Protein backbone atom coordinates (compact mmCIF):
# COMPACT_ATOMS: atom_id res chain seq x y z
CA MET A 1 -93.33 82.84 -65.16
CA PHE A 2 -92.14 79.25 -65.90
CA ARG A 3 -92.55 78.09 -69.53
CA ASN A 4 -92.83 74.43 -68.32
CA PHE A 5 -92.15 71.96 -65.34
CA ASP A 6 -88.55 71.61 -66.18
CA GLU A 7 -87.89 75.31 -65.52
CA MET A 8 -89.61 74.98 -62.22
CA LEU A 9 -87.60 71.85 -61.28
CA GLU A 10 -84.42 73.69 -62.38
CA LYS A 11 -84.93 76.53 -60.06
CA ALA A 12 -86.13 74.12 -57.16
CA GLN A 13 -82.77 72.45 -57.46
CA LYS A 14 -80.92 75.64 -56.69
CA LEU A 15 -82.59 76.02 -53.37
CA PRO A 16 -81.54 74.40 -50.15
CA LYS A 17 -83.03 70.95 -49.47
CA SER A 18 -86.13 70.50 -47.66
CA SER A 19 -86.84 67.49 -45.31
CA ILE A 20 -90.07 65.69 -46.12
CA SER A 21 -92.10 63.57 -43.91
CA VAL A 22 -94.16 60.79 -45.81
CA ALA A 23 -97.18 59.41 -44.08
CA ALA A 24 -97.74 55.65 -44.76
CA ALA A 25 -94.78 55.64 -47.19
CA ASP A 26 -95.17 51.98 -48.03
CA ASP A 27 -96.42 52.84 -51.58
CA ILE A 28 -94.24 52.22 -54.69
CA ASP A 29 -95.60 55.18 -56.61
CA VAL A 30 -94.88 57.57 -53.69
CA LEU A 31 -91.41 56.04 -53.14
CA LYS A 32 -90.55 56.52 -56.87
CA SER A 33 -91.40 60.15 -56.59
CA ILE A 34 -89.33 60.49 -53.36
CA LYS A 35 -86.45 58.75 -55.14
CA ASP A 36 -86.65 61.12 -57.97
CA ALA A 37 -86.88 64.10 -55.63
CA ALA A 38 -83.90 62.86 -53.49
CA GLU A 39 -81.70 62.34 -56.58
CA LYS A 40 -82.35 65.74 -57.73
CA GLY A 41 -81.30 67.22 -54.41
CA LEU A 42 -84.82 68.50 -53.57
CA VAL A 43 -85.44 66.61 -50.32
CA ASP A 44 -84.20 64.47 -47.44
CA PRO A 45 -86.83 61.94 -46.68
CA LEU A 46 -88.39 60.72 -43.43
CA LEU A 47 -90.54 57.58 -44.24
CA VAL A 48 -93.25 56.55 -41.74
CA GLY A 49 -94.92 53.33 -42.35
CA ASN A 50 -94.33 49.54 -42.44
CA ARG A 51 -90.51 49.20 -42.28
CA LYS A 52 -90.41 45.86 -44.06
CA LYS A 53 -92.60 46.86 -46.90
CA ILE A 54 -90.81 50.15 -47.38
CA GLU A 55 -87.39 48.35 -47.50
CA GLU A 56 -88.69 45.83 -50.01
CA LEU A 57 -90.12 48.62 -52.20
CA SER A 58 -87.11 50.78 -51.98
CA SER A 59 -84.90 47.82 -52.96
CA GLN A 60 -87.08 47.17 -56.12
CA ILE A 61 -86.73 50.73 -57.26
CA GLY A 62 -83.18 51.46 -56.14
CA LEU A 63 -83.97 53.98 -53.46
CA LYS A 64 -81.25 54.05 -50.92
CA ILE A 65 -82.62 54.84 -47.52
CA SER A 66 -80.96 54.37 -44.13
CA LYS A 67 -82.76 52.71 -41.28
CA GLU A 68 -82.77 55.77 -39.14
CA HIS A 69 -84.80 57.51 -41.78
CA ILE A 70 -87.57 54.90 -41.58
CA ILE A 71 -90.16 55.02 -38.78
CA ASP A 72 -91.73 51.74 -38.41
CA ILE A 73 -95.50 52.20 -37.93
CA SER A 74 -97.75 49.75 -39.85
CA ASN A 75 -101.12 51.35 -39.01
CA PRO A 76 -101.75 54.13 -41.76
CA ILE A 77 -103.73 56.38 -39.26
CA GLU A 78 -100.93 56.22 -36.78
CA ALA A 79 -98.33 56.63 -39.47
CA ALA A 80 -100.08 59.88 -40.55
CA GLU A 81 -100.26 61.23 -37.07
CA GLU A 82 -96.53 60.52 -36.62
CA ALA A 83 -95.60 62.13 -39.87
CA VAL A 84 -97.57 65.22 -38.81
CA LYS A 85 -95.75 65.36 -35.56
CA LEU A 86 -92.44 65.19 -37.17
CA VAL A 87 -93.29 68.49 -39.02
CA ARG A 88 -94.92 70.05 -35.94
CA ASN A 89 -91.63 69.34 -33.94
CA GLY A 90 -89.41 70.80 -36.59
CA ASP A 91 -87.96 67.49 -37.72
CA ALA A 92 -89.41 67.88 -41.33
CA ASP A 93 -90.32 70.94 -43.38
CA ILE A 94 -93.10 69.48 -45.65
CA ILE A 95 -95.47 66.53 -45.49
CA MET A 96 -96.58 64.10 -48.18
CA LYS A 97 -99.57 61.63 -48.09
CA GLY A 98 -98.75 58.03 -48.85
CA MET A 99 -100.86 54.94 -48.56
CA VAL A 100 -103.46 56.42 -46.24
CA THR A 101 -106.95 57.81 -47.23
CA SER A 102 -107.13 61.47 -47.73
CA SER A 103 -109.75 61.91 -44.96
CA ASP A 104 -107.46 60.20 -42.39
CA PHE A 105 -104.42 62.11 -43.54
CA MET A 106 -106.14 65.44 -43.46
CA LYS A 107 -107.76 64.59 -39.99
CA ALA A 108 -104.18 64.23 -38.66
CA VAL A 109 -103.07 67.31 -40.32
CA LEU A 110 -105.85 69.33 -38.85
CA SER A 111 -105.74 67.81 -35.43
CA SER A 112 -106.37 70.44 -32.72
CA ASP A 113 -103.91 68.44 -30.50
CA TYR A 114 -100.75 68.08 -32.69
CA GLY A 115 -101.63 69.13 -36.15
CA LEU A 116 -100.58 71.95 -38.48
CA ARG A 117 -103.36 74.47 -38.35
CA SER A 118 -102.30 78.02 -38.87
CA GLY A 119 -105.54 80.01 -38.73
CA LYS A 120 -105.68 80.33 -42.59
CA ILE A 121 -108.14 78.54 -44.85
CA ILE A 122 -106.94 75.27 -46.29
CA SER A 123 -106.91 75.31 -50.00
CA HIS A 124 -105.54 73.52 -53.07
CA LEU A 125 -103.28 74.97 -55.63
CA ALA A 126 -102.83 73.01 -58.83
CA ALA A 127 -100.13 73.70 -61.57
CA TYR A 128 -100.46 72.51 -65.23
CA ASP A 129 -97.76 72.05 -67.68
CA ILE A 130 -99.75 72.06 -71.04
CA PRO A 131 -98.32 71.13 -74.39
CA ASN A 132 -97.97 74.21 -76.69
CA PHE A 133 -99.42 76.49 -74.26
CA GLY A 134 -96.14 78.30 -73.37
CA ARG A 135 -96.48 78.83 -69.61
CA VAL A 136 -97.25 76.87 -66.54
CA LEU A 137 -100.79 77.69 -65.51
CA PHE A 138 -102.03 77.55 -61.87
CA LEU A 139 -105.52 76.83 -60.80
CA THR A 140 -107.25 77.31 -57.34
CA ASP A 141 -109.42 75.71 -55.58
CA GLY A 142 -110.49 72.67 -57.39
CA GLY A 143 -109.65 70.29 -54.71
CA ILE A 144 -110.90 71.27 -51.11
CA ASN A 145 -113.38 74.07 -50.81
CA ILE A 146 -116.75 73.16 -52.32
CA ALA A 147 -118.57 76.49 -52.67
CA PRO A 148 -116.49 79.23 -51.23
CA ASP A 149 -118.18 82.52 -50.47
CA LEU A 150 -116.37 85.87 -51.19
CA ASN A 151 -114.43 86.00 -47.90
CA GLN A 152 -113.26 82.43 -48.43
CA LYS A 153 -112.19 83.35 -51.90
CA VAL A 154 -110.10 86.27 -50.58
CA GLU A 155 -108.21 83.77 -48.37
CA ILE A 156 -107.89 81.13 -51.11
CA LEU A 157 -106.39 83.77 -53.49
CA GLN A 158 -103.97 85.02 -50.88
CA ASN A 159 -102.83 81.37 -50.13
CA ALA A 160 -102.18 81.11 -53.99
CA VAL A 161 -100.63 84.31 -54.48
CA ASP A 162 -98.20 83.98 -51.62
CA ALA A 163 -97.16 80.51 -52.88
CA LEU A 164 -96.37 82.00 -56.33
CA VAL A 165 -94.48 84.84 -54.76
CA ASN A 166 -92.32 82.13 -53.10
CA LEU A 167 -92.06 80.33 -56.38
CA GLY A 168 -90.32 83.53 -57.80
CA PHE A 169 -93.29 85.44 -59.22
CA THR A 170 -93.09 89.25 -58.54
CA GLU A 171 -96.77 90.11 -58.95
CA PRO A 172 -98.86 87.21 -60.21
CA LYS A 173 -101.74 87.90 -62.62
CA VAL A 174 -105.00 86.44 -61.34
CA ALA A 175 -108.17 86.07 -63.40
CA VAL A 176 -111.50 85.36 -61.56
CA LEU A 177 -113.44 82.95 -63.74
CA SER A 178 -117.04 82.81 -64.57
CA ALA A 179 -119.06 81.83 -67.58
CA VAL A 180 -119.08 85.38 -68.91
CA GLU A 181 -116.78 88.38 -68.73
CA PHE A 182 -119.43 90.96 -67.75
CA VAL A 183 -121.02 91.45 -64.30
CA ASN A 184 -124.41 89.86 -64.19
CA PRO A 185 -126.43 90.24 -60.89
CA HIS A 186 -127.90 86.97 -61.42
CA MET A 187 -124.50 85.19 -61.58
CA GLU A 188 -122.66 85.24 -58.34
CA ALA A 189 -119.29 84.47 -59.78
CA THR A 190 -119.27 87.59 -61.74
CA ILE A 191 -120.14 89.69 -58.87
CA HIS A 192 -117.26 87.93 -56.86
CA GLY A 193 -114.95 88.70 -59.77
CA ALA A 194 -115.61 92.37 -59.72
CA ALA A 195 -115.43 92.51 -56.03
CA LEU A 196 -112.11 90.68 -55.82
CA SER A 197 -110.63 92.99 -58.44
CA LYS A 198 -111.56 96.05 -56.58
CA MET A 199 -110.50 94.59 -53.25
CA ALA A 200 -106.91 93.98 -54.71
CA GLU A 201 -106.85 97.55 -55.94
CA ARG A 202 -107.38 98.77 -52.38
CA GLY A 203 -104.89 96.31 -50.91
CA GLN A 204 -107.21 93.78 -49.31
CA ILE A 205 -105.45 91.12 -51.37
CA ARG A 206 -101.63 91.62 -51.50
CA HIS A 207 -98.88 91.27 -54.10
CA ALA A 208 -101.10 90.37 -57.13
CA VAL A 209 -102.88 92.05 -60.01
CA ILE A 210 -106.49 90.66 -59.97
CA ASP A 211 -109.15 91.20 -62.57
CA GLY A 212 -112.53 89.71 -63.24
CA PRO A 213 -114.96 88.42 -64.07
CA PHE A 214 -113.34 86.56 -67.02
CA ALA A 215 -114.62 83.79 -69.34
CA LEU A 216 -111.82 81.10 -69.63
CA ASP A 217 -111.02 82.05 -73.24
CA ASN A 218 -110.32 85.75 -72.55
CA ALA A 219 -108.40 84.90 -69.36
CA ILE A 220 -105.73 82.63 -71.06
CA ASN A 221 -105.87 83.87 -74.81
CA LEU A 222 -104.74 87.27 -75.67
CA GLU A 223 -106.54 87.25 -79.13
CA ALA A 224 -109.71 86.14 -77.36
CA ALA A 225 -109.50 88.94 -74.97
CA LYS A 226 -108.82 91.56 -77.56
CA HIS A 227 -111.86 90.31 -79.68
CA LYS A 228 -114.09 90.87 -76.72
CA GLY A 229 -112.62 94.34 -76.15
CA ILE A 230 -111.09 93.34 -72.88
CA TYR A 231 -107.66 94.86 -72.04
CA GLY A 232 -105.45 95.05 -69.07
CA PRO A 233 -102.48 93.13 -67.66
CA VAL A 234 -104.47 89.93 -66.80
CA ALA A 235 -106.58 89.71 -69.87
CA GLY A 236 -105.21 86.73 -71.96
CA ASN A 237 -102.10 86.43 -69.68
CA ALA A 238 -103.43 85.06 -66.38
CA ASP A 239 -100.93 83.09 -64.19
CA ILE A 240 -103.60 81.96 -61.70
CA LEU A 241 -107.19 81.05 -62.48
CA LEU A 242 -109.65 81.25 -59.63
CA VAL A 243 -112.57 78.95 -60.29
CA PRO A 244 -116.07 79.62 -58.84
CA ASN A 245 -116.42 76.38 -57.01
CA ILE A 246 -114.90 72.78 -56.70
CA GLU A 247 -117.00 71.31 -59.61
CA SER A 248 -115.73 73.72 -62.13
CA GLY A 249 -112.18 73.45 -60.84
CA ASN A 250 -112.29 69.62 -60.94
CA ILE A 251 -113.76 69.49 -64.36
CA LEU A 252 -111.34 72.13 -65.86
CA GLY A 253 -108.27 70.43 -64.32
CA LYS A 254 -109.25 67.09 -65.63
CA SER A 255 -110.06 68.47 -69.05
CA ILE A 256 -106.50 69.78 -69.21
CA ILE A 257 -105.04 66.41 -68.38
CA TYR A 258 -107.20 64.18 -70.48
CA PHE A 259 -108.06 66.45 -73.52
CA ALA A 260 -104.95 68.64 -73.59
CA LYS A 261 -102.58 65.99 -72.39
CA GLY A 262 -101.34 68.32 -69.65
CA VAL A 263 -99.48 67.22 -66.50
CA MET A 264 -100.65 68.34 -63.04
CA ALA A 265 -98.81 69.08 -59.83
CA GLY A 266 -100.51 70.18 -56.87
CA ILE A 267 -100.10 71.15 -53.11
CA VAL A 268 -102.35 72.03 -50.33
CA LEU A 269 -101.83 75.50 -48.73
CA GLY A 270 -102.86 77.29 -45.50
CA ALA A 271 -101.28 74.86 -42.98
CA ALA A 272 -98.19 75.52 -41.02
CA ALA A 273 -96.35 73.63 -43.68
CA PRO A 274 -96.87 72.75 -47.30
CA ILE A 275 -98.82 69.47 -47.95
CA VAL A 276 -98.15 67.15 -50.85
CA LEU A 277 -101.55 65.39 -51.42
CA THR A 278 -101.39 63.67 -54.87
CA SER A 279 -103.98 61.48 -56.50
CA ARG A 280 -103.23 57.95 -57.50
CA ALA A 281 -103.78 58.97 -61.04
CA GLU A 282 -100.98 61.62 -61.06
CA THR A 283 -98.02 60.75 -63.06
CA ALA A 284 -94.66 60.13 -61.39
CA TYR A 285 -93.28 63.30 -62.82
CA GLY A 286 -96.43 65.18 -61.62
CA LYS A 287 -95.70 63.89 -58.09
CA LEU A 288 -91.98 65.03 -58.39
CA CYS A 289 -93.19 68.40 -59.46
CA SER A 290 -95.69 68.43 -56.49
CA ILE A 291 -92.68 68.00 -54.16
CA ALA A 292 -90.85 70.64 -55.95
CA MET A 293 -93.71 73.07 -55.64
CA ALA A 294 -94.10 72.34 -51.95
CA SER A 295 -90.31 72.80 -51.19
CA MET A 296 -90.27 76.11 -53.21
CA SER A 297 -93.58 77.41 -51.48
CA ARG A 298 -91.73 77.62 -48.25
CA GLY A 299 -89.99 80.65 -49.63
CA ILE A 300 -86.44 79.61 -48.92
CA GLU A 301 -83.86 81.96 -50.42
């Protein structure tokens, strides 16, 4: 368990450096996060994009980057393709989106010719550092899969659990969220919660303790769980929240940021390499922590 992002960064700095390929890197916010990550010893960058603009922006922010670490490709789509190929060919360990649309970036990542498909489902894992909460809270999948069925939720959970194990968790505690904490045949999310819990007991989802369904309060607050008569290792102590669909995940995540003043980091899982896919609204510190998450999720010892 990490109490905050500073603890996560501290652990990431103890691991060997990762090389990071940045697609369409001519973006000052992205370059600031790369500068921070490089200065903390997390990554060695390979920047793909408009060389002149990258050099100008790097000079503005004090990022020292050699010419051989900049690949001059002005077209953002072609830059994304080249950045993916660097990972595919083993020249980079992780990939990050720069000044290219998410759709064009992911199209390159998932290309059947040169992309990073692994046969797993692609899913998003968010982490939140929330003031006065006491621990980093993880959420999946509020970013990619719109309305996953039970089989897809199994794969989404396994992606998230494997990532947390690589981050250092021994056996992450997973709460499957719904509006209520009891199984209701008319509410699919509650049925999924019960099924996923039993599947984990039978070893169909590995390396995690999974329980559900949970309402949000009794998943993250021990007193709320006790008040409802819900006990067990997950009740009130969840490390990972599995949301029912993309709408609920998006709303919960943005509520944490805008109401609770939390900071988000996030990565995309399921490809052959970790993917840093940050939003324009994400803070520089959040982008830095996203890079740290991606580096740690590789499972380097």
